[in-house]
């Protein structure tokens, strides 16, 4: 196992702190620094893993600081921004030749715009014409009751506006 220079160690620690897998980090080290290291060599720099239990305080502090910043700064991740996602979906819809794919992408945009992927819920606070929301289910009608009711009476009953005709 080759001794890594501090700038490579910093790269590894920061990537692990941002939840990259050891395999992804090893691949990134090869690409960035032309150094071939193993996944197990990378794990030594993750204090949340058993292999990283003996990580020095210096690297542990950097890991924890970077992980905290990563978790708190979601705005630094472009794909976490709704406008970025919608723009990407729009480009994909424009580039596709498949009508099915285009329809799926447009549906995805509609969900994004309608906050389907947020923690916010749109809750109706008022019923029809500003009145109370009806929560009780209408009473179940017997076949005899249904036979003696007009269509208007049935509609009124199931809308919770009137009871069955007696």
C-alpha atoms as a PDB file:
ATOM      1  CA  UNK A   1       0.000   0.000   0.000  1.00  0.00           C
ATOM      2  CA  UNK A   2       1.627   3.220  -1.225  1.00  0.00           C
ATOM      3  CA  UNK A   3       1.907   6.193   1.135  1.00  0.00           C
ATOM      4  CA  UNK A   4      -0.455   8.894  -0.065  1.00  0.00           C
ATOM      5  CA  UNK A   5       0.383  12.581  -0.087  1.00  0.00           C
ATOM      6  CA  UNK A   6      -1.779  14.932   1.962  1.00  0.00           C
ATOM      7  CA  UNK A   7      -3.546  16.469  -1.040  1.00  0.00           C
ATOM      8  CA  UNK A   8      -4.703  12.980  -2.106  1.00  0.00           C
ATOM      9  CA  UNK A   9      -5.797  12.147   1.444  1.00  0.00           C
ATOM     10  CA  UNK A  10      -7.776  15.400   1.583  1.00  0.00           C
ATOM     11  CA  UNK A  11      -9.454  14.525  -1.707  1.00  0.00           C
ATOM     12  CA  UNK A  12     -10.399  11.088  -0.364  1.00  0.00           C
ATOM     13  CA  UNK A  13     -11.685  12.380   2.985  1.00  0.00           C
ATOM     14  CA  UNK A  14     -13.810  15.084   1.354  1.00  0.00           C
ATOM     15  CA  UNK A  15     -15.345  12.682  -1.171  1.00  0.00           C
ATOM     16  CA  UNK A  16     -16.168  10.168   1.550  1.00  0.00           C
ATOM     17  CA  UNK A  17     -17.669  12.929   3.688  1.00  0.00           C
ATOM     18  CA  UNK A  18     -19.965  13.734   0.738  1.00  0.00           C
ATOM     19  CA  UNK A  19     -21.223  10.124   0.762  1.00  0.00           C
ATOM     20  CA  UNK A  20     -19.288   8.861  -2.257  1.00  0.00           C
ATOM     21  CA  UNK A  21     -18.672   5.120  -1.981  1.00  0.00           C
ATOM     22  CA  UNK A  22     -15.118   3.826  -1.518  1.00  0.00           C
ATOM     23  CA  UNK A  23     -15.274   2.372  -5.045  1.00  0.00           C
ATOM     24  CA  UNK A  24     -16.314   5.735  -6.487  1.00  0.00           C
ATOM     25  CA  UNK A  25     -13.525   7.483  -4.593  1.00  0.00           C
ATOM     26  CA  UNK A  26     -10.885   4.969  -5.732  1.00  0.00           C
ATOM     27  CA  UNK A  27     -12.023   5.517  -9.317  1.00  0.00           C
ATOM     28  CA  UNK A  28     -11.921   9.310  -8.867  1.00  0.00           C
ATOM     29  CA  UNK A  29      -8.389   9.124  -7.411  1.00  0.00           C
ATOM     30  CA  UNK A  30      -7.264   7.162 -10.463  1.00  0.00           C
ATOM     31  CA  UNK A  31      -8.839   9.716 -12.777  1.00  0.00           C
ATOM     32  CA  UNK A  32      -7.684  12.812 -10.866  1.00  0.00           C
ATOM     33  CA  UNK A  33      -4.197  11.786  -9.700  1.00  0.00           C
ATOM     34  CA  UNK A  34      -3.381   8.760 -11.898  1.00  0.00           C
ATOM     35  CA  UNK A  35      -2.957   6.695  -8.710  1.00  0.00           C
ATOM     36  CA  UNK A  36      -4.429   3.229  -8.472  1.00  0.00           C
ATOM     37  CA  UNK A  37      -5.637   2.561  -4.930  1.00  0.00           C
ATOM     38  CA  UNK A  38      -7.948  -0.083  -3.566  1.00  0.00           C
ATOM     39  CA  UNK A  39     -11.395   0.353  -2.088  1.00  0.00           C
ATOM     40  CA  UNK A  40     -10.071  -0.933   1.239  1.00  0.00           C
ATOM     41  CA  UNK A  41      -7.298   1.677   1.189  1.00  0.00           C
ATOM     42  CA  UNK A  42      -9.974   4.357   0.753  1.00  0.00           C
ATOM     43  CA  UNK A  43     -12.073   3.016   3.657  1.00  0.00           C
ATOM     44  CA  UNK A  44      -9.226   3.808   6.066  1.00  0.00           C
ATOM     45  CA  UNK A  45     -10.135   7.493   5.649  1.00  0.00           C
ATOM     46  CA  UNK A  46     -13.801   7.062   6.648  1.00  0.00           C
ATOM     47  CA  UNK A  47     -14.212   7.387  10.442  1.00  0.00           C
ATOM     48  CA  UNK A  48     -17.763   5.991  10.207  1.00  0.00           C
ATOM     49  CA  UNK A  49     -16.377   2.614   9.108  1.00  0.00           C
ATOM     50  CA  UNK A  50     -14.509   0.065  11.207  1.00  0.00           C
ATOM     51  CA  UNK A  51     -11.488   0.424   8.892  1.00  0.00           C
ATOM     52  CA  UNK A  52     -11.340   4.148   9.737  1.00  0.00           C
ATOM     53  CA  UNK A  53     -11.419   3.710  13.511  1.00  0.00           C
ATOM     54  CA  UNK A  54      -7.761   4.738  13.812  1.00  0.00           C
ATOM     55  CA  UNK A  55      -8.037   7.774  11.533  1.00  0.00           C
ATOM     56  CA  UNK A  56      -5.993  10.679  12.898  1.00  0.00           C
ATOM     57  CA  UNK A  57      -7.770  13.563  14.586  1.00  0.00           C
ATOM     58  CA  UNK A  58      -6.750  15.913  11.751  1.00  0.00           C
ATOM     59  CA  UNK A  59      -8.542  13.862   9.084  1.00  0.00           C
ATOM     60  CA  UNK A  60     -11.462  13.076  11.396  1.00  0.00           C
ATOM     61  CA  UNK A  61     -12.095  16.810  11.968  1.00  0.00           C
ATOM     62  CA  UNK A  62     -11.908  17.514   8.232  1.00  0.00           C
ATOM     63  CA  UNK A  63     -14.317  14.625   7.539  1.00  0.00           C
ATOM     64  CA  UNK A  64     -16.842  15.747  10.161  1.00  0.00           C
ATOM     65  CA  UNK A  65     -16.647  19.414   9.122  1.00  0.00           C
ATOM     66  CA  UNK A  66     -17.081  18.574   5.445  1.00  0.00           C
ATOM     67  CA  UNK A  67     -19.960  16.152   6.118  1.00  0.00           C
ATOM     68  CA  UNK A  68     -21.778  18.748   8.264  1.00  0.00           C
ATOM     69  CA  UNK A  69     -21.344  21.392   5.556  1.00  0.00           C
ATOM     70  CA  UNK A  70     -22.503  18.942   2.893  1.00  0.00           C
ATOM     71  CA  UNK A  71     -25.672  18.112   4.803  1.00  0.00           C
ATOM     72  CA  UNK A  72     -26.476  21.750   5.559  1.00  0.00           C
ATOM     73  CA  UNK A  73     -25.741  23.242   2.142  1.00  0.00           C
ATOM     74  CA  UNK A  74     -28.177  21.461  -0.117  1.00  0.00           C
ATOM     75  CA  UNK A  75     -28.285  24.600  -2.290  1.00  0.00           C
ATOM     76  CA  UNK A  76     -24.734  23.796  -3.411  1.00  0.00           C
ATOM     77  CA  UNK A  77     -26.058  20.709  -5.210  1.00  0.00           C
ATOM     78  CA  UNK A  78     -27.510  21.874  -8.524  1.00  0.00           C
ATOM     79  CA  UNK A  79     -29.887  18.940  -8.997  1.00  0.00           C
ATOM     80  CA  UNK A  80     -31.473  19.745  -5.607  1.00  0.00           C
ATOM     81  CA  UNK A  81     -32.810  22.973  -7.116  1.00  0.00           C
ATOM     82  CA  UNK A  82     -36.255  22.646  -8.706  1.00  0.00           C
ATOM     83  CA  UNK A  83     -35.465  25.128 -11.488  1.00  0.00           C
ATOM     84  CA  UNK A  84     -32.372  23.128 -12.492  1.00  0.00           C
ATOM     85  CA  UNK A  85     -34.364  19.877 -12.585  1.00  0.00           C
ATOM     86  CA  UNK A  86     -37.146  21.438 -14.660  1.00  0.00           C
ATOM     87  CA  UNK A  87     -34.618  22.922 -17.092  1.00  0.00           C
ATOM     88  CA  UNK A  88     -32.897  19.537 -17.478  1.00  0.00           C
ATOM     89  CA  UNK A  89     -36.227  17.794 -18.048  1.00  0.00           C
ATOM     90  CA  UNK A  90     -37.152  20.427 -20.639  1.00  0.00           C
ATOM     91  CA  UNK A  91     -33.902  19.849 -22.528  1.00  0.00           C
ATOM     92  CA  UNK A  92     -34.421  16.079 -22.443  1.00  0.00           C
ATOM     93  CA  UNK A  93     -38.015  16.472 -23.693  1.00  0.00           C
ATOM     94  CA  UNK A  94     -36.821  18.668 -26.555  1.00  0.00           C
ATOM     95  CA  UNK A  95     -34.083  16.194 -27.493  1.00  0.00           C
ATOM     96  CA  UNK A  96     -36.112  12.985 -27.441  1.00  0.00           C
ATOM     97  CA  UNK A  97     -37.830  11.554 -30.492  1.00  0.00           C
ATOM     98  CA  UNK A  98     -40.000   9.195 -28.496  1.00  0.00           C
ATOM     99  CA  UNK A  99     -43.535  10.512 -27.903  1.00  0.00           C
ATOM    100  CA  UNK A 100     -43.844   8.219 -24.851  1.00  0.00           C
ATOM    101  CA  UNK A 101     -40.600   9.528 -23.363  1.00  0.00           C
ATOM    102  CA  UNK A 102     -41.636  13.120 -24.079  1.00  0.00           C
ATOM    103  CA  UNK A 103     -44.996  12.533 -22.356  1.00  0.00           C
ATOM    104  CA  UNK A 104     -43.224  10.988 -19.341  1.00  0.00           C
ATOM    105  CA  UNK A 105     -40.838  13.931 -19.127  1.00  0.00           C
ATOM    106  CA  UNK A 106     -43.679  16.448 -19.362  1.00  0.00           C
ATOM    107  CA  UNK A 107     -45.505  14.564 -16.633  1.00  0.00           C
ATOM    108  CA  UNK A 108     -42.374  14.756 -14.507  1.00  0.00           C
ATOM    109  CA  UNK A 109     -42.198  18.528 -15.066  1.00  0.00           C
ATOM    110  CA  UNK A 110     -45.843  18.874 -14.042  1.00  0.00           C
ATOM    111  CA  UNK A 111     -45.088  16.982 -10.829  1.00  0.00           C
ATOM    112  CA  UNK A 112     -42.093  19.222 -10.139  1.00  0.00           C
ATOM    113  CA  UNK A 113     -44.102  22.388 -10.709  1.00  0.00           C
ATOM    114  CA  UNK A 114     -46.934  21.069  -8.546  1.00  0.00           C
ATOM    115  CA  UNK A 115     -44.521  20.376  -5.666  1.00  0.00           C
ATOM    116  CA  UNK A 116     -45.144  16.622  -5.831  1.00  0.00           C
ATOM    117  CA  UNK A 117     -41.526  16.103  -4.746  1.00  0.00           C
ATOM    118  CA  UNK A 118     -41.448  18.494  -1.809  1.00  0.00           C
ATOM    119  CA  UNK A 119     -42.330  17.985   1.811  1.00  0.00           C
ATOM    120  CA  UNK A 120     -45.026  20.629   1.504  1.00  0.00           C
ATOM    121  CA  UNK A 121     -48.547  19.358   1.352  1.00  0.00           C
ATOM    122  CA  UNK A 122     -51.395  21.285  -0.171  1.00  0.00           C
ATOM    123  CA  UNK A 123     -54.283  20.868   2.208  1.00  0.00           C
ATOM    124  CA  UNK A 124     -57.778  22.055   1.487  1.00  0.00           C
ATOM    125  CA  UNK A 125     -58.958  24.045   4.484  1.00  0.00           C
ATOM    126  CA  UNK A 126     -62.506  24.770   3.340  1.00  0.00           C
ATOM    127  CA  UNK A 127     -65.274  22.781   1.779  1.00  0.00           C
ATOM    128  CA  UNK A 128     -67.574  23.790  -1.057  1.00  0.00           C
ATOM    129  CA  UNK A 129     -68.486  27.514  -1.074  1.00  0.00           C
ATOM    130  CA  UNK A 130     -66.200  28.130   1.915  1.00  0.00           C
ATOM    131  CA  UNK A 131     -68.170  25.819   4.184  1.00  0.00           C
ATOM    132  CA  UNK A 132     -66.992  22.993   6.379  1.00  0.00           C
ATOM    133  CA  UNK A 133     -65.353  19.947   4.842  1.00  0.00           C
ATOM    134  CA  UNK A 134     -67.688  16.977   4.990  1.00  0.00           C
ATOM    135  CA  UNK A 135     -65.906  14.108   6.707  1.00  0.00           C
ATOM    136  CA  UNK A 136     -68.786  11.779   7.569  1.00  0.00           C
ATOM    137  CA  UNK A 137     -69.732   9.125   5.050  1.00  0.00           C
ATOM    138  CA  UNK A 138     -73.380   9.142   3.963  1.00  0.00           C
ATOM    139  CA  UNK A 139     -75.472   6.339   5.384  1.00  0.00           C
ATOM    140  CA  UNK A 140     -75.620   3.186   3.304  1.00  0.00           C
ATOM    141  CA  UNK A 141     -78.883   2.860   1.457  1.00  0.00           C
ATOM    142  CA  UNK A 142     -80.827  -0.356   1.135  1.00  0.00           C
ATOM    143  CA  UNK A 143     -82.002  -1.495  -2.299  1.00  0.00           C
ATOM    144  CA  UNK A 144     -85.572  -0.597  -1.301  1.00  0.00           C
ATOM    145  CA  UNK A 145     -84.582   2.953  -0.376  1.00  0.00           C
ATOM    146  CA  UNK A 146     -82.665   3.389  -3.621  1.00  0.00           C
ATOM    147  CA  UNK A 147     -85.650   2.157  -5.637  1.00  0.00           C
ATOM    148  CA  UNK A 148     -87.878   4.840  -4.063  1.00  0.00           C
ATOM    149  CA  UNK A 149     -85.500   7.761  -4.743  1.00  0.00           C
ATOM    150  CA  UNK A 150     -85.158   9.971  -7.777  1.00  0.00           C
ATOM    151  CA  UNK A 151     -81.775  10.558  -9.407  1.00  0.00           C
ATOM    152  CA  UNK A 152     -81.640  14.054  -7.862  1.00  0.00           C
ATOM    153  CA  UNK A 153     -82.344  12.620  -4.398  1.00  0.00           C
ATOM    154  CA  UNK A 154     -79.616   9.990  -4.850  1.00  0.00           C
ATOM    155  CA  UNK A 155     -77.108  12.636  -5.953  1.00  0.00           C
ATOM    156  CA  UNK A 156     -78.037  14.833  -3.010  1.00  0.00           C
ATOM    157  CA  UNK A 157     -77.688  11.923  -0.619  1.00  0.00           C
ATOM    158  CA  UNK A 158     -74.228  10.937  -1.830  1.00  0.00           C
ATOM    159  CA  UNK A 159     -73.083  14.527  -1.735  1.00  0.00           C
ATOM    160  CA  UNK A 160     -74.033  14.579   1.929  1.00  0.00           C
ATOM    161  CA  UNK A 161     -76.786  17.184   1.434  1.00  0.00           C
ATOM    162  CA  UNK A 162     -79.841  15.105   2.309  1.00  0.00           C
ATOM    163  CA  UNK A 163     -80.844  11.797   3.773  1.00  0.00           C
ATOM    164  CA  UNK A 164     -82.855   9.046   2.124  1.00  0.00           C
ATOM    165  CA  UNK A 165     -86.538   9.564   1.474  1.00  0.00           C
ATOM    166  CA  UNK A 166     -88.665   7.853   4.120  1.00  0.00           C
END
